[in-house]
Every structure is written in structure tokens, then in C-alpha cells.
Amino acid sequence: MSACTPTEDENSPLPSQEFQTLENPVVVATDLPAELTADSQPVEPTATSQGARPLPPTWTPTFEPRIAPTDTLAPTLDSIGTWEASSPVPPATVNPGCLTFNLDPVRTVNTIRVGESPILAWTPATGATLYRVYVFDDSGRQQLHEELLEGTTVTVNRDVFPVAGTYVWTVAPLDAFGIQMCTELGDGIVVSR
């Protein structure tokens, strides 16, 4: 601890106490056969002035576990070469508020002509304060529109759909902290000439 105190001089070695070095350490042979000793006499284990006698060279530490090991199953390969879990995967837990969340095909108008605006609708998720809506191109990779709203329906600006084709939209409910509560749901938007 003295090496960590601010009272130490910056030129002093750390730690402030010197290490002791042994110039001629005495090694005590224990449990050696007689033919290995210098005078062919067995050497009795004794304590030396440097400390307690050393452990015999044949000593092996043992460990006894407190808890008996349990058998574990190894993962296996299925018929197509994919690793399968050794134990069943626990069922996913669903946020109870998500049980009411779904797309609403009755209020949705997702088949339109160029120059028209689609109406996208969904049922509310219990506890959601906002909904995040995305619109993507037909590949689902390029985001064309994003909107946050409190209601369960949105009319997307017609400028998002300049050409005929199929677009993708998704909606996800957010809680009061802005965290997504449920898996986002989505569908297609078909734009024709």
C-alpha cells in the first residue's frame, strides 16, 4: 500500500521496501531414492533457514467438487448439417400488450395508382404511446419514408411512390420510453399506373 500513497518520492523504487534475494539457496531433497543423493544415503526432509520444507516431487493436488457434476448433452448436427441445441429452446415470452397489436386489413388501402396515397392501419398495442412506420422500396433495403405518430392509421404522402411497383411498409409500437414493445409487422403496397 505504501507504493500507492502520494507521499512516496517519485525517484524511490516501487514498492518502497526492497526484495530479499537469496544468494545461495539451500535445496532440500525429500523422498529421493538413495542412488540420486551425493553420498548414497537417503536424505531426511528437514526445514531450512529459508522456510518450511518443500513438497515432495510426487505430490499432486486433488480437488473434490462440492456439487456433483451433471451429465450434459452435446449439440448434434441435423440432416442438413446445422447444429441443433442440446436442450430444447425455451419458449419466447410475449409482451402482453402485443396480443392486441396486428395489421388492420379492413381500414388499410394498400393497392393504389401512381399519384394516390395509401392508407395504412393497424390495431393498437396495449401500453403503446407511439407507432413508428417505415416504407421501403421493393427490395426492403432502401428506406423511403419514416414517421412517428400516436394514432393507428397513417396516410403516406403520394410523393413517396413516384413509379409503379411494389413497396413494403412496417409498423412497430413504442412504449413511453421510446422502446419498441413488439415485433414489427408489415405488408406490401402495390402501386400501378
Protein backbone atom coordinates (compact mmCIF):
# COMPACT_ATOMS: atom_id res chain seq x y z
CA MET A 1 0.00 0.00 0.00
CA SER A 2 2.87 2.38 0.63
CA ALA A 3 3.68 2.31 -3.08
CA CYS A 4 0.28 3.83 -3.82
CA THR A 5 0.46 6.74 -1.39
CA PRO A 6 1.15 10.24 -2.66
CA THR A 7 3.88 10.74 -0.01
CA GLU A 8 6.30 8.49 -1.89
CA ASP A 9 9.19 10.23 -3.57
CA GLU A 10 8.94 9.94 -7.36
CA ASN A 11 12.56 8.70 -7.51
CA SER A 12 12.06 5.94 -4.96
CA PRO A 13 11.65 2.38 -6.22
CA LEU A 14 8.23 0.79 -6.12
CA PRO A 15 7.41 -0.83 -3.81
CA SER A 16 9.33 1.17 -1.22
CA GLN A 17 10.60 -1.97 0.51
CA GLU A 18 13.44 -3.88 -1.16
CA PHE A 19 13.01 -7.50 -2.11
CA GLN A 20 15.23 -10.04 -0.39
CA THR A 21 17.29 -12.16 -2.69
CA LEU A 22 18.92 -15.40 -1.68
CA GLU A 23 22.47 -15.72 -2.91
CA ASN A 24 22.97 -19.43 -2.21
CA PRO A 25 19.59 -21.02 -1.64
CA VAL A 26 19.61 -24.39 0.08
CA VAL A 27 17.55 -27.02 -1.68
CA VAL A 28 16.40 -29.88 0.46
CA ALA A 29 15.83 -33.19 -1.31
CA THR A 30 12.91 -35.17 0.02
CA ASP A 31 11.72 -38.65 -0.82
CA LEU A 32 14.54 -39.18 -3.33
CA PRO A 33 15.89 -42.66 -3.95
CA ALA A 34 19.30 -43.32 -2.40
CA GLU A 35 21.05 -43.62 -5.78
CA LEU A 36 20.23 -39.96 -6.55
CA THR A 37 21.91 -38.46 -3.48
CA ALA A 38 25.56 -37.46 -3.42
CA ASP A 39 26.57 -39.74 -0.55
CA SER A 40 24.17 -42.58 -1.42
CA GLN A 41 22.35 -42.06 1.84
CA PRO A 42 18.64 -41.19 1.96
CA VAL A 43 18.15 -37.59 3.00
CA GLU A 44 15.70 -36.87 5.75
CA PRO A 45 13.35 -33.99 4.98
CA THR A 46 14.18 -31.06 7.18
CA ALA A 47 13.22 -27.45 7.49
CA THR A 48 15.78 -24.96 6.27
CA SER A 49 16.60 -21.48 7.46
CA GLN A 50 14.82 -20.11 4.36
CA GLY A 51 11.42 -21.62 5.25
CA ALA A 52 9.40 -24.80 5.55
CA ARG A 53 10.42 -27.97 3.78
CA PRO A 54 9.27 -28.24 0.17
CA LEU A 55 6.56 -30.60 -1.02
CA PRO A 56 7.71 -33.99 -2.34
CA PRO A 57 8.03 -34.12 -6.16
CA THR A 58 5.32 -36.80 -6.33
CA TRP A 59 2.70 -34.65 -4.59
CA THR A 60 -0.35 -33.92 -6.72
CA PRO A 61 -3.11 -31.56 -5.65
CA THR A 62 -6.59 -33.04 -5.54
CA PHE A 63 -9.89 -31.29 -5.98
CA GLU A 64 -13.17 -32.54 -4.66
CA PRO A 65 -16.11 -30.70 -6.19
CA ARG A 66 -18.82 -29.58 -3.80
CA ILE A 67 -21.53 -30.22 -6.38
CA ALA A 68 -21.63 -33.48 -8.25
CA PRO A 69 -21.21 -32.92 -11.99
CA THR A 70 -24.33 -33.46 -14.05
CA ASP A 71 -24.48 -35.11 -17.40
CA THR A 72 -24.70 -32.58 -20.21
CA LEU A 73 -25.90 -33.23 -23.70
CA ALA A 74 -23.66 -32.33 -26.59
CA PRO A 75 -25.07 -30.39 -29.54
CA THR A 76 -25.72 -32.50 -32.61
CA LEU A 77 -25.89 -31.95 -36.36
CA ASP A 78 -29.23 -32.23 -38.11
CA SER A 79 -29.75 -33.80 -41.55
CA ILE A 80 -28.63 -30.66 -43.42
CA GLY A 81 -25.53 -30.01 -41.31
CA THR A 82 -26.89 -27.34 -38.96
CA TRP A 83 -26.06 -27.52 -35.26
CA GLU A 84 -29.04 -28.25 -33.06
CA ALA A 85 -29.18 -27.26 -29.40
CA SER A 86 -28.65 -30.00 -26.86
CA SER A 87 -31.67 -28.91 -24.86
CA PRO A 88 -34.98 -27.51 -26.03
CA VAL A 89 -35.05 -23.77 -26.63
CA PRO A 90 -37.23 -22.05 -24.03
CA PRO A 91 -40.41 -20.53 -25.42
CA ALA A 92 -40.24 -16.81 -26.17
CA THR A 93 -42.07 -14.56 -23.80
CA VAL A 94 -44.53 -12.19 -25.38
CA ASN A 95 -45.31 -8.75 -24.03
CA PRO A 96 -48.99 -8.93 -23.05
CA GLY A 97 -49.56 -5.58 -24.76
CA CYS A 98 -48.59 -7.17 -28.08
CA LEU A 99 -51.52 -9.59 -28.04
CA THR A 100 -53.81 -6.82 -29.30
CA PHE A 101 -51.35 -5.47 -31.90
CA ASN A 102 -52.00 -6.54 -35.51
CA LEU A 103 -52.44 -5.17 -39.02
CA ASP A 104 -55.97 -3.96 -39.83
CA PRO A 105 -56.88 -5.03 -43.40
CA VAL A 106 -60.38 -3.51 -43.14
CA ARG A 107 -59.08 0.07 -42.81
CA THR A 108 -55.95 -0.41 -44.98
CA VAL A 109 -55.90 0.75 -48.60
CA ASN A 110 -52.61 -0.58 -49.97
CA THR A 111 -53.47 -1.02 -53.67
CA ILE A 112 -53.25 2.38 -55.34
CA ARG A 113 -52.35 4.14 -58.60
CA VAL A 114 -49.37 6.45 -59.16
CA GLY A 115 -50.28 9.85 -57.69
CA GLU A 116 -52.51 8.40 -54.94
CA SER A 117 -51.75 8.00 -51.23
CA PRO A 118 -52.11 4.66 -49.43
CA ILE A 119 -53.85 4.42 -46.06
CA LEU A 120 -52.09 2.09 -43.64
CA ALA A 121 -53.84 0.88 -40.48
CA TRP A 122 -53.27 -1.43 -37.51
CA THR A 123 -54.89 -2.30 -34.19
CA PRO A 124 -53.44 -0.69 -31.05
CA ALA A 125 -50.92 -2.38 -28.77
CA THR A 126 -51.87 -2.04 -25.10
CA GLY A 127 -49.48 0.42 -23.46
CA ALA A 128 -48.06 1.87 -26.69
CA THR A 129 -47.71 5.64 -26.84
CA LEU A 130 -46.25 5.98 -30.35
CA TYR A 131 -46.03 3.93 -33.54
CA ARG A 132 -43.07 4.00 -35.93
CA VAL A 133 -43.95 3.48 -39.59
CA TYR A 134 -41.37 2.76 -42.31
CA VAL A 135 -41.84 2.50 -46.08
CA PHE A 136 -39.16 0.69 -48.13
CA ASP A 137 -38.56 0.01 -51.81
CA ASP A 138 -39.46 -3.40 -53.28
CA SER A 139 -36.16 -4.94 -52.08
CA GLY A 140 -36.91 -3.92 -48.49
CA ARG A 141 -33.43 -2.38 -48.18
CA GLN A 142 -33.81 1.29 -49.07
CA GLN A 143 -35.90 3.31 -46.64
CA LEU A 144 -38.14 5.82 -48.44
CA HIS A 145 -40.24 7.15 -45.55
CA GLU A 146 -40.30 7.18 -41.74
CA GLU A 147 -43.00 8.60 -39.49
CA LEU A 148 -43.79 8.61 -35.75
CA LEU A 149 -47.44 9.03 -34.78
CA GLU A 150 -49.81 8.47 -31.90
CA GLY A 151 -52.76 7.05 -33.84
CA THR A 152 -53.31 3.68 -35.51
CA THR A 153 -53.65 4.91 -39.08
CA VAL A 154 -51.48 6.94 -41.43
CA THR A 155 -51.89 8.35 -44.93
CA VAL A 156 -48.47 8.30 -46.59
CA ASN A 157 -47.63 11.19 -48.95
CA ARG A 158 -48.06 10.22 -52.62
CA ASP A 159 -44.58 11.62 -53.43
CA VAL A 160 -43.07 8.54 -51.74
CA PHE A 161 -44.43 6.39 -54.64
CA PRO A 162 -43.28 8.12 -57.86
CA VAL A 163 -43.30 4.97 -60.01
CA ALA A 164 -45.41 1.85 -60.28
CA GLY A 165 -44.21 -1.18 -58.35
CA THR A 166 -44.43 -2.99 -55.05
CA TYR A 167 -43.32 -1.26 -51.86
CA VAL A 168 -43.00 -2.57 -48.29
CA TRP A 169 -44.31 -0.93 -45.12
CA THR A 170 -43.81 -1.84 -41.47
CA VAL A 171 -45.19 -0.57 -38.17
CA ALA A 172 -43.89 -1.08 -34.61
CA PRO A 173 -45.38 0.11 -31.30
CA LEU A 174 -43.19 2.11 -28.89
CA ASP A 175 -43.69 2.45 -25.15
CA ALA A 176 -43.45 5.68 -23.11
CA PHE A 177 -39.63 5.43 -23.16
CA GLY A 178 -39.49 5.10 -26.95
CA ILE A 179 -38.52 1.41 -26.76
CA GLN A 180 -40.03 -0.97 -29.30
CA MET A 181 -42.52 -3.20 -27.48
CA CYS A 182 -43.37 -5.83 -30.09
CA THR A 183 -42.07 -7.35 -33.28
CA GLU A 184 -42.79 -5.01 -36.15
CA LEU A 185 -45.50 -6.05 -38.58
CA GLY A 186 -45.69 -5.18 -42.25
CA ASP A 187 -47.22 -5.72 -45.64
CA GLY A 188 -46.89 -4.63 -49.24
CA ILE A 189 -48.13 -1.55 -51.08
CA VAL A 190 -48.96 -2.19 -54.75
CA VAL A 191 -48.74 0.90 -56.99
CA SER A 192 -50.00 0.61 -60.56
CA ARG A 193 -50.28 3.09 -63.46
